[in-house]
Amino acid sequence: MKVKVLYFAQVAEKVGCSKEEIMMEGNTTEDLLNYLKNKYAVLNDMTFKLAVDQTLIHENISIKDGTEVALLPPFAGG
């Protein structure tokens, strides 16, 4: 399945790009995270949240071909 992955701020700096399309096995956000953490070992030591099709998620969910997933680092505001 093809998934569009967006990286922001420190995550983008560490992986060396701001977006990519990947072909992956599986159909859950956990499958995607396992794939990305294998590809970019630095993600194992980072804190970030996931947004699927512009909706912040807090658990493992199913994804489908063409899904957009963003890795969002912690935000600070004021």
N, C-alpha and C. Protein backbone atom coordinates (compact mmCIF):
# COMPACT_ATOMS: atom_id res chain seq x y z
N MET A 1 0.84 -1.17 0.00
CA MET A 1 0.00 0.00 0.00
C MET A 1 0.89 1.23 0.00
N LYS A 2 0.45 2.29 -0.67
CA LYS A 2 1.20 3.54 -0.73
C LYS A 2 0.62 4.53 0.28
N VAL A 3 1.52 5.13 1.09
CA VAL A 3 1.14 6.08 2.12
C VAL A 3 2.00 7.33 1.96
N LYS A 4 1.39 8.50 2.09
CA LYS A 4 2.13 9.77 2.07
C LYS A 4 2.46 10.12 3.51
N VAL A 5 3.76 10.32 3.78
CA VAL A 5 4.21 10.63 5.14
C VAL A 5 4.79 12.04 5.15
N LEU A 6 4.33 12.85 6.10
CA LEU A 6 4.81 14.22 6.27
C LEU A 6 5.57 14.30 7.60
N TYR A 7 6.73 14.96 7.55
CA TYR A 7 7.55 15.13 8.75
C TYR A 7 7.66 16.62 9.05
N PHE A 8 7.56 16.99 10.32
CA PHE A 8 7.60 18.40 10.70
C PHE A 8 8.72 18.66 11.71
N ALA A 9 9.26 19.87 11.65
CA ALA A 9 10.22 20.41 12.63
C ALA A 9 11.38 19.45 12.87
N GLN A 10 11.64 19.10 14.15
CA GLN A 10 12.78 18.27 14.49
C GLN A 10 12.73 16.90 13.83
N VAL A 11 11.54 16.37 13.63
CA VAL A 11 11.42 15.06 12.97
C VAL A 11 11.95 15.16 11.55
N ALA A 12 11.56 16.20 10.82
CA ALA A 12 12.04 16.39 9.45
C ALA A 12 13.55 16.56 9.42
N GLU A 13 14.09 17.30 10.38
CA GLU A 13 15.54 17.50 10.45
C GLU A 13 16.26 16.17 10.64
N LYS A 14 15.75 15.33 11.52
CA LYS A 14 16.42 14.06 11.83
C LYS A 14 16.34 13.05 10.69
N VAL A 15 15.20 13.00 9.98
CA VAL A 15 15.07 12.02 8.89
C VAL A 15 15.59 12.56 7.56
N GLY A 16 15.80 13.88 7.48
CA GLY A 16 16.40 14.46 6.29
C GLY A 16 15.44 14.80 5.16
N CYS A 17 14.14 14.81 5.45
CA CYS A 17 13.17 15.21 4.43
C CYS A 17 11.89 15.66 5.11
N SER A 18 11.05 16.36 4.36
CA SER A 18 9.79 16.83 4.95
C SER A 18 8.59 16.00 4.51
N LYS A 19 8.75 15.23 3.44
CA LYS A 19 7.66 14.36 3.00
C LYS A 19 8.20 13.28 2.08
N GLU A 20 7.46 12.18 2.02
CA GLU A 20 7.80 11.09 1.11
C GLU A 20 6.59 10.19 0.94
N GLU A 21 6.58 9.47 -0.15
CA GLU A 21 5.57 8.44 -0.35
C GLU A 21 6.27 7.11 -0.20
N ILE A 22 5.68 6.24 0.59
CA ILE A 22 6.31 4.94 0.82
C ILE A 22 5.34 3.82 0.45
N MET A 23 5.92 2.71 0.07
CA MET A 23 5.16 1.48 -0.14
C MET A 23 5.42 0.61 1.07
N MET A 24 4.35 0.16 1.71
CA MET A 24 4.52 -0.63 2.92
C MET A 24 3.59 -1.82 2.95
N GLU A 25 3.96 -2.79 3.76
CA GLU A 25 3.10 -3.92 4.07
C GLU A 25 2.27 -3.55 5.29
N GLY A 26 1.15 -4.17 5.46
CA GLY A 26 0.32 -3.90 6.63
C GLY A 26 -0.71 -2.83 6.34
N ASN A 27 -1.58 -2.61 7.31
CA ASN A 27 -2.67 -1.64 7.11
C ASN A 27 -3.04 -0.89 8.38
N THR A 28 -2.09 -0.73 9.30
CA THR A 28 -2.36 0.02 10.52
C THR A 28 -1.27 1.07 10.76
N THR A 29 -1.58 2.00 11.64
CA THR A 29 -0.57 3.00 11.98
C THR A 29 0.60 2.35 12.71
N GLU A 30 0.34 1.29 13.45
CA GLU A 30 1.44 0.57 14.11
C GLU A 30 2.37 -0.06 13.08
N ASP A 31 1.81 -0.65 12.04
CA ASP A 31 2.63 -1.21 10.96
C ASP A 31 3.49 -0.12 10.32
N LEU A 32 2.90 1.04 10.09
CA LEU A 32 3.63 2.16 9.50
C LEU A 32 4.75 2.61 10.42
N LEU A 33 4.46 2.78 11.71
CA LEU A 33 5.49 3.20 12.65
C LEU A 33 6.64 2.20 12.72
N ASN A 34 6.33 0.92 12.71
CA ASN A 34 7.39 -0.09 12.71
C ASN A 34 8.25 0.04 11.46
N TYR A 35 7.63 0.26 10.32
CA TYR A 35 8.37 0.45 9.07
C TYR A 35 9.27 1.67 9.16
N LEU A 36 8.71 2.81 9.62
CA LEU A 36 9.49 4.04 9.68
C LEU A 36 10.62 3.96 10.71
N LYS A 37 10.37 3.34 11.86
CA LYS A 37 11.41 3.22 12.88
C LYS A 37 12.52 2.28 12.44
N ASN A 38 12.21 1.33 11.58
CA ASN A 38 13.22 0.47 11.00
C ASN A 38 14.05 1.24 9.97
N LYS A 39 13.37 2.05 9.16
CA LYS A 39 14.04 2.85 8.13
C LYS A 39 14.86 3.99 8.73
N TYR A 40 14.31 4.65 9.73
CA TYR A 40 14.96 5.78 10.41
C TYR A 40 15.09 5.45 11.89
N ALA A 41 16.18 4.83 12.28
CA ALA A 41 16.37 4.40 13.66
C ALA A 41 16.27 5.56 14.65
N VAL A 42 16.59 6.77 14.21
CA VAL A 42 16.53 7.95 15.08
C VAL A 42 15.12 8.17 15.64
N LEU A 43 14.09 7.71 14.94
CA LEU A 43 12.71 7.88 15.41
C LEU A 43 12.44 7.12 16.71
N ASN A 44 13.23 6.08 16.97
CA ASN A 44 13.04 5.30 18.19
C ASN A 44 13.29 6.13 19.44
N ASP A 45 14.09 7.18 19.33
CA ASP A 45 14.45 8.01 20.48
C ASP A 45 13.72 9.35 20.50
N MET A 46 12.75 9.52 19.62
CA MET A 46 12.04 10.79 19.52
C MET A 46 10.61 10.68 20.03
N THR A 47 10.08 11.81 20.48
CA THR A 47 8.68 11.89 20.89
C THR A 47 7.92 12.65 19.81
N PHE A 48 6.83 12.07 19.35
CA PHE A 48 6.00 12.72 18.35
C PHE A 48 4.61 12.11 18.39
N LYS A 49 3.66 12.82 17.81
CA LYS A 49 2.28 12.34 17.69
C LYS A 49 2.00 12.09 16.22
N LEU A 50 0.96 11.34 15.95
CA LEU A 50 0.55 11.05 14.58
C LEU A 50 -0.77 11.74 14.27
N ALA A 51 -0.84 12.26 13.06
CA ALA A 51 -2.11 12.76 12.52
C ALA A 51 -2.38 11.97 11.24
N VAL A 52 -3.57 11.42 11.13
CA VAL A 52 -3.96 10.66 9.95
C VAL A 52 -5.01 11.45 9.20
N ASP A 53 -4.70 11.80 7.97
CA ASP A 53 -5.59 12.63 7.15
C ASP A 53 -6.05 13.86 7.95
N GLN A 54 -5.08 14.51 8.58
CA GLN A 54 -5.24 15.78 9.31
C GLN A 54 -6.05 15.66 10.60
N THR A 55 -6.15 14.45 11.15
CA THR A 55 -6.82 14.24 12.42
C THR A 55 -5.84 13.59 13.38
N LEU A 56 -5.59 14.23 14.52
CA LEU A 56 -4.69 13.70 15.52
C LEU A 56 -5.26 12.41 16.09
N ILE A 57 -4.42 11.37 16.16
CA ILE A 57 -4.89 10.09 16.70
C ILE A 57 -4.12 9.77 17.98
N HIS A 58 -4.71 8.91 18.80
CA HIS A 58 -4.10 8.54 20.07
C HIS A 58 -4.00 7.04 20.25
N GLU A 59 -4.31 6.29 19.20
CA GLU A 59 -4.26 4.83 19.28
C GLU A 59 -3.97 4.27 17.89
N ASN A 60 -3.72 2.98 17.83
CA ASN A 60 -3.48 2.29 16.57
C ASN A 60 -4.80 2.22 15.78
N ILE A 61 -4.77 2.68 14.53
CA ILE A 61 -5.97 2.63 13.69
C ILE A 61 -5.62 2.04 12.32
N SER A 62 -6.63 1.61 11.61
CA SER A 62 -6.45 1.11 10.25
C SER A 62 -6.23 2.28 9.30
N ILE A 63 -5.37 2.06 8.32
CA ILE A 63 -5.16 3.04 7.26
C ILE A 63 -5.32 2.33 5.93
N LYS A 64 -5.52 3.13 4.88
CA LYS A 64 -5.73 2.54 3.56
C LYS A 64 -4.80 3.19 2.54
N ASP A 65 -4.76 2.65 1.37
CA ASP A 65 -3.94 3.18 0.29
C ASP A 65 -4.27 4.65 0.08
N GLY A 66 -3.23 5.48 0.00
CA GLY A 66 -3.42 6.90 -0.23
C GLY A 66 -3.57 7.74 1.04
N THR A 67 -3.54 7.12 2.20
CA THR A 67 -3.65 7.85 3.46
C THR A 67 -2.46 8.79 3.64
N GLU A 68 -2.71 9.94 4.26
CA GLU A 68 -1.66 10.89 4.60
C GLU A 68 -1.44 10.82 6.11
N VAL A 69 -0.19 10.57 6.50
CA VAL A 69 0.16 10.48 7.91
C VAL A 69 1.24 11.50 8.21
N ALA A 70 1.04 12.31 9.24
CA ALA A 70 2.02 13.32 9.64
C ALA A 70 2.61 12.95 10.99
N LEU A 71 3.93 13.10 11.12
CA LEU A 71 4.62 12.92 12.38
C LEU A 71 4.87 14.30 12.95
N LEU A 72 4.25 14.58 14.10
CA LEU A 72 4.27 15.91 14.68
C LEU A 72 5.04 15.91 16.00
N PRO A 73 6.10 16.71 16.10
CA PRO A 73 6.84 16.79 17.36
C PRO A 73 6.03 17.57 18.39
N PRO A 74 6.45 17.52 19.66
CA PRO A 74 5.75 18.32 20.68
C PRO A 74 5.77 19.81 20.32
N PHE A 75 4.68 20.47 20.60
CA PHE A 75 4.57 21.90 20.31
C PHE A 75 4.65 22.70 21.60
N ALA A 76 5.22 23.87 21.50
CA ALA A 76 5.22 24.81 22.61
C ALA A 76 4.50 26.05 22.14
N GLY A 77 3.75 26.64 22.99
CA GLY A 77 2.99 27.82 22.58
C GLY A 77 3.04 28.91 23.64
N GLY A 78 2.55 30.06 23.23
CA GLY A 78 2.55 31.12 24.19
C GLY A 78 1.57 32.19 23.83
